């Protein structure tokens, strides 16, 4: 039997559609009005021609775009490698911090010391320590500064992600672990099949936010001497005496971040809807 909405229900649906269309039109008009005011205010300012020449020079942008793109490809590769490693490291440290019993006390202390230390030290200093301090020891088999800089980014963000994972693990009620243990599961099996799946779902939005932050902070690898997008832009600025290469690099990083930001917003909205579904 096919369900047919009543006349009152059809009126409600039509009213909601009209309200949606009205809201979209108002949002578009208000956005266009604000954009027009900003455009008029900026381009009508006395110093706009000089700013346009110094930051938005098309000839300079097209000249240095290939070099910046080559450096940007290094940033992308570094991010693709560092992000999964930081997630795995953060998850491992979070699990180690949740271990119980006096036997695991040294492990908990090491994990806690790691998170406290690298969360407190600025990433720039960590990169300097790894990229220049470790080679200064003159040890055989010392990796390249690019690898050392990537390790600094991974370890620093691993400490941030570890706290996010730990918050998710501790948000799962202990009764669920007790129920899993009563069914014959070991502590490791309970963590794997009961606690961690719920914890990861609950902290997915803040995890993705940290990943977005890492996406732009991989640009700090230029401090280690690598020719990435930031360093290529810096070279272009020095050669042209113009700041447009920095704007080109910024646009590339924004384009890289947009998909992650959209995914983060959708995951956050989905989590909010799931949380409010039963209220």
Protein backbone atom coordinates (compact mmCIF):
# COMPACT_ATOMS: atom_id res chain seq x y z
CA UNK A 1 0.00 0.00 0.00
CA UNK A 2 1.47 3.34 -1.08
CA UNK A 3 1.63 6.07 1.54
CA UNK A 4 -0.04 9.31 0.46
CA UNK A 5 0.62 12.40 2.58
CA UNK A 6 -2.43 14.26 3.78
CA UNK A 7 -3.36 17.68 2.56
CA UNK A 8 -2.05 19.28 5.75
CA UNK A 9 1.26 17.43 5.36
CA UNK A 10 1.57 18.60 1.77
CA UNK A 11 1.00 22.18 2.91
CA UNK A 12 3.73 21.79 5.50
CA UNK A 13 6.17 20.41 2.92
CA UNK A 14 5.39 23.26 0.51
CA UNK A 15 5.83 25.82 3.31
CA UNK A 16 9.21 24.36 4.27
CA UNK A 17 10.35 24.47 0.65
CA UNK A 18 9.33 28.12 0.36
CA UNK A 19 11.17 28.91 3.58
CA UNK A 20 14.27 27.11 2.31
CA UNK A 21 14.23 29.00 -0.98
CA UNK A 22 13.69 32.27 0.86
CA UNK A 23 16.58 31.58 3.22
CA UNK A 24 18.92 30.70 0.37
CA UNK A 25 18.00 33.85 -1.54
CA UNK A 26 18.47 36.06 1.52
CA UNK A 27 21.83 34.46 2.28
CA UNK A 28 22.97 34.96 -1.32
CA UNK A 29 21.85 38.59 -1.38
CA UNK A 30 23.43 39.43 1.95
CA UNK A 31 26.68 37.73 0.94
CA UNK A 32 26.76 39.61 -2.36
CA UNK A 33 26.07 42.91 -0.58
CA UNK A 34 28.83 42.37 1.98
CA UNK A 35 31.24 41.27 -0.76
CA UNK A 36 30.46 44.33 -2.83
CA UNK A 37 31.01 46.64 0.14
CA UNK A 38 34.34 45.01 0.92
CA UNK A 39 35.43 45.18 -2.72
CA UNK A 40 34.52 48.87 -2.97
CA UNK A 41 36.17 49.67 0.36
CA UNK A 42 39.41 47.87 -0.46
CA UNK A 43 39.81 48.87 -4.09
CA UNK A 44 38.78 52.44 -3.31
CA UNK A 45 41.42 52.97 -0.65
CA UNK A 46 44.32 55.31 -1.47
CA UNK A 47 46.98 52.59 -1.15
CA UNK A 48 45.22 49.89 -3.16
CA UNK A 49 47.26 50.35 -6.39
CA UNK A 50 50.49 49.86 -4.48
CA UNK A 51 49.14 46.84 -2.58
CA UNK A 52 47.85 45.32 -5.81
CA UNK A 53 51.25 45.75 -7.44
CA UNK A 54 53.09 44.26 -4.45
CA UNK A 55 50.81 41.32 -3.59
CA UNK A 56 48.64 40.57 -6.63
CA UNK A 57 50.96 41.00 -9.60
CA UNK A 58 49.84 38.58 -12.31
CA UNK A 59 53.13 38.61 -14.19
CA UNK A 60 55.11 37.73 -11.07
CA UNK A 61 52.59 35.02 -10.15
CA UNK A 62 52.82 33.29 -13.52
CA UNK A 63 56.62 33.55 -13.53
CA UNK A 64 57.16 31.79 -10.21
CA UNK A 65 54.13 29.48 -10.23
CA UNK A 66 56.02 26.47 -11.71
CA UNK A 67 58.71 26.62 -9.02
CA UNK A 68 56.12 26.99 -6.27
CA UNK A 69 54.15 24.05 -7.66
CA UNK A 70 57.28 21.89 -7.59
CA UNK A 71 57.80 22.79 -3.95
CA UNK A 72 54.12 22.28 -3.21
CA UNK A 73 54.35 18.72 -4.48
CA UNK A 74 56.93 18.13 -1.73
CA UNK A 75 54.46 19.49 0.86
CA UNK A 76 51.75 17.15 -0.41
CA UNK A 77 54.01 14.09 -0.22
CA UNK A 78 55.17 15.05 3.24
CA UNK A 79 51.60 15.48 4.44
CA UNK A 80 50.48 12.15 2.97
CA UNK A 81 53.26 10.40 4.89
CA UNK A 82 53.18 12.37 8.16
CA UNK A 83 49.40 12.38 8.71
CA UNK A 84 48.88 8.57 8.92
CA UNK A 85 52.05 8.17 11.01
CA UNK A 86 50.91 10.85 13.45
CA UNK A 87 47.47 9.22 13.76
CA UNK A 88 49.01 5.82 14.48
CA UNK A 89 51.47 7.30 16.95
CA UNK A 90 48.74 9.24 18.73
CA UNK A 91 46.52 6.17 18.98
CA UNK A 92 49.39 4.06 20.35
CA UNK A 93 50.32 6.63 22.98
CA UNK A 94 46.68 7.08 23.98
CA UNK A 95 46.27 3.34 24.50
CA UNK A 96 49.49 3.21 26.52
CA UNK A 97 48.26 6.02 28.74
CA UNK A 98 45.06 4.12 29.51
CA UNK A 99 46.82 0.94 30.65
CA UNK A 100 45.98 -0.07 34.19
CA UNK A 101 48.00 -1.73 36.92
CA UNK A 102 51.31 -0.96 38.65
CA UNK A 103 53.30 -2.99 36.10
CA UNK A 104 52.35 -0.54 33.34
CA UNK A 105 53.28 2.52 35.42
CA UNK A 106 56.66 3.14 33.65
CA UNK A 107 54.95 2.93 30.27
CA UNK A 108 52.26 5.35 31.36
CA UNK A 109 54.90 7.75 32.67
CA UNK A 110 56.85 7.65 29.41
CA UNK A 111 53.69 8.23 27.36
CA UNK A 112 52.62 11.07 29.66
CA UNK A 113 56.05 12.69 29.52
CA UNK A 114 56.03 12.48 25.74
CA UNK A 115 52.64 14.18 25.41
CA UNK A 116 53.43 16.88 27.96
CA UNK A 117 56.81 17.66 26.40
CA UNK A 118 55.94 17.85 22.73
CA UNK A 119 52.62 19.57 23.30
CA UNK A 120 54.45 22.32 25.15
CA UNK A 121 57.38 22.84 22.77
CA UNK A 122 56.62 24.98 19.68
CA UNK A 123 56.81 23.05 16.44
CA UNK A 124 59.39 25.46 15.04
CA UNK A 125 61.80 24.68 17.86
CA UNK A 126 61.20 20.95 17.48
CA UNK A 127 62.05 21.15 13.79
CA UNK A 128 65.24 23.05 14.56
CA UNK A 129 66.23 20.49 17.20
CA UNK A 130 65.61 17.55 14.89
CA UNK A 131 66.91 19.02 11.62
CA UNK A 132 70.05 20.67 13.01
CA UNK A 133 70.63 19.15 16.43
CA UNK A 134 70.63 15.47 15.42
CA UNK A 135 73.03 15.95 12.45
CA UNK A 136 75.28 17.87 14.82
CA UNK A 137 75.90 14.63 16.71
CA UNK A 138 77.72 13.32 13.58
CA UNK A 139 76.32 9.83 13.94
CA UNK A 140 76.62 7.37 11.08
CA UNK A 141 73.42 6.75 9.18
CA UNK A 142 71.82 10.06 10.17
CA UNK A 143 68.78 10.63 7.93
CA UNK A 144 68.36 13.57 5.60
CA UNK A 145 67.08 16.85 7.08
CA UNK A 146 63.83 16.36 5.17
CA UNK A 147 63.21 13.08 7.01
CA UNK A 148 64.22 14.64 10.32
CA UNK A 149 61.88 17.58 9.75
CA UNK A 150 59.04 15.22 8.86
CA UNK A 151 59.77 13.24 12.03
CA UNK A 152 59.52 16.44 14.06
CA UNK A 153 56.11 17.23 12.55
CA UNK A 154 54.90 13.67 13.08
CA UNK A 155 56.04 13.47 16.69
CA UNK A 156 54.63 16.89 17.58
CA UNK A 157 51.21 16.23 16.08
CA UNK A 158 51.25 12.70 17.47
CA UNK A 159 51.23 14.25 20.95
CA UNK A 160 48.21 16.40 20.05
CA UNK A 161 46.32 13.49 18.56
CA UNK A 162 47.18 11.26 21.52
CA UNK A 163 45.21 13.52 23.85
CA UNK A 164 42.26 13.54 21.46
CA UNK A 165 42.27 9.74 21.27
CA UNK A 166 42.62 9.47 25.05
CA UNK A 167 39.61 11.73 25.56
CA UNK A 168 37.60 9.50 23.25
CA UNK A 169 38.71 6.32 25.03
CA UNK A 170 37.88 7.69 28.45
CA UNK A 171 34.46 8.88 27.22
CA UNK A 172 33.38 5.25 26.76
CA UNK A 173 31.64 4.11 29.93
CA UNK A 174 33.59 1.49 31.94
CA UNK A 175 30.50 -0.69 32.09
CA UNK A 176 30.99 -1.50 28.40
CA UNK A 177 34.46 -2.86 29.11
CA UNK A 178 33.09 -4.84 32.03
CA UNK A 179 30.34 -6.26 29.84
CA UNK A 180 32.87 -7.24 27.18
CA UNK A 181 35.06 -8.92 29.78
CA UNK A 182 32.06 -10.80 31.16
CA UNK A 183 31.47 -12.23 27.68
CA UNK A 184 34.95 -13.72 27.69
CA UNK A 185 36.87 -11.01 25.83
CA UNK A 186 40.33 -10.10 27.04
CA UNK A 187 41.25 -6.50 27.83
CA UNK A 188 42.99 -6.18 24.47
CA UNK A 189 39.97 -7.59 22.62
CA UNK A 190 37.62 -5.30 24.53
CA UNK A 191 39.72 -2.28 23.58
CA UNK A 192 39.89 -3.35 19.94
CA UNK A 193 36.28 -4.37 19.36
CA UNK A 194 34.32 -2.29 21.88
CA UNK A 195 36.18 0.80 23.10
CA UNK A 196 38.29 1.99 20.18
CA UNK A 197 35.52 1.94 17.51
CA UNK A 198 33.30 4.12 19.70
CA UNK A 199 36.18 6.37 20.76
CA UNK A 200 37.29 7.06 17.18
CA UNK A 201 33.74 7.89 16.07
CA UNK A 202 33.28 10.31 18.96
CA UNK A 203 36.50 12.22 18.40
CA UNK A 204 36.50 12.15 14.58
CA UNK A 205 35.78 15.92 14.23
CA UNK A 206 38.66 17.12 16.46
CA UNK A 207 40.96 14.55 14.86
CA UNK A 208 40.19 15.93 11.43
CA UNK A 209 40.72 19.48 12.69
CA UNK A 210 44.21 18.53 13.84
CA UNK A 211 44.87 16.92 10.47
CA UNK A 212 43.84 20.17 8.76
CA UNK A 213 46.27 22.05 11.00
CA UNK A 214 49.03 19.62 10.07
CA UNK A 215 48.26 20.17 6.39
CA UNK A 216 49.39 23.79 6.64
CA UNK A 217 52.14 23.24 9.19
CA UNK A 218 54.02 20.95 6.80
CA UNK A 219 55.04 24.25 5.23
CA UNK A 220 57.39 24.71 8.18
CA UNK A 221 59.63 22.06 6.64
CA UNK A 222 61.23 25.00 4.82
CA UNK A 223 62.95 25.82 8.12
CA UNK A 224 65.01 22.65 7.67
CA UNK A 225 66.25 23.87 4.29
CA UNK A 226 63.93 21.87 2.03
CA UNK A 227 62.71 23.63 -1.13
CA UNK A 228 58.98 23.41 -0.59
CA UNK A 229 56.28 25.86 -1.62
CA UNK A 230 57.14 28.32 1.15
CA UNK A 231 60.86 28.27 0.40
CA UNK A 232 60.22 28.57 -3.35
CA UNK A 233 57.95 31.54 -2.68
CA UNK A 234 60.59 33.09 -0.45
CA UNK A 235 63.16 32.74 -3.22
CA UNK A 236 60.72 34.33 -5.66
CA UNK A 237 60.12 37.25 -3.30
CA UNK A 238 63.86 37.82 -2.93
CA UNK A 239 64.41 37.77 -6.69
CA UNK A 240 61.44 39.91 -7.70
CA UNK A 241 61.20 42.24 -4.67
CA UNK A 242 57.48 41.42 -4.76
CA UNK A 243 55.27 39.55 -2.28
CA UNK A 244 53.01 37.91 -4.87
CA UNK A 245 54.76 34.49 -4.62
CA UNK A 246 53.66 34.29 -0.98
CA UNK A 247 50.05 34.84 -2.05
CA UNK A 248 50.40 32.12 -4.70
CA UNK A 249 51.69 29.66 -2.08
CA UNK A 250 48.85 30.64 0.28
CA UNK A 251 46.23 29.97 -2.42
CA UNK A 252 47.70 26.51 -3.06
CA UNK A 253 47.54 25.63 0.64
CA UNK A 254 43.94 26.83 0.83
CA UNK A 255 42.99 24.68 -2.17
CA UNK A 256 44.63 21.68 -0.50
CA UNK A 257 42.79 22.33 2.76
CA UNK A 258 39.32 22.81 1.26
CA UNK A 259 38.49 19.09 0.79
CA UNK A 260 39.61 18.31 4.35
CA UNK A 261 37.61 21.23 5.72
CA UNK A 262 34.47 20.08 3.87
CA UNK A 263 34.92 16.53 5.19
CA UNK A 264 35.45 17.86 8.72
CA UNK A 265 32.28 19.96 8.56
CA UNK A 266 30.24 17.01 7.28
CA UNK A 267 31.58 14.66 9.94
CA UNK A 268 30.89 17.25 12.64
CA UNK A 269 27.33 17.80 11.39
CA UNK A 270 26.73 14.06 11.17
CA UNK A 271 28.01 13.54 14.71
CA UNK A 272 25.78 16.35 15.99
CA UNK A 273 22.72 14.85 14.27
CA UNK A 274 23.50 11.41 15.66
CA UNK A 275 23.90 12.83 19.15
CA UNK A 276 20.62 14.75 18.99
CA UNK A 277 18.67 11.93 17.36
CA UNK A 278 17.46 10.53 20.62
CA UNK A 279 16.56 13.84 22.25
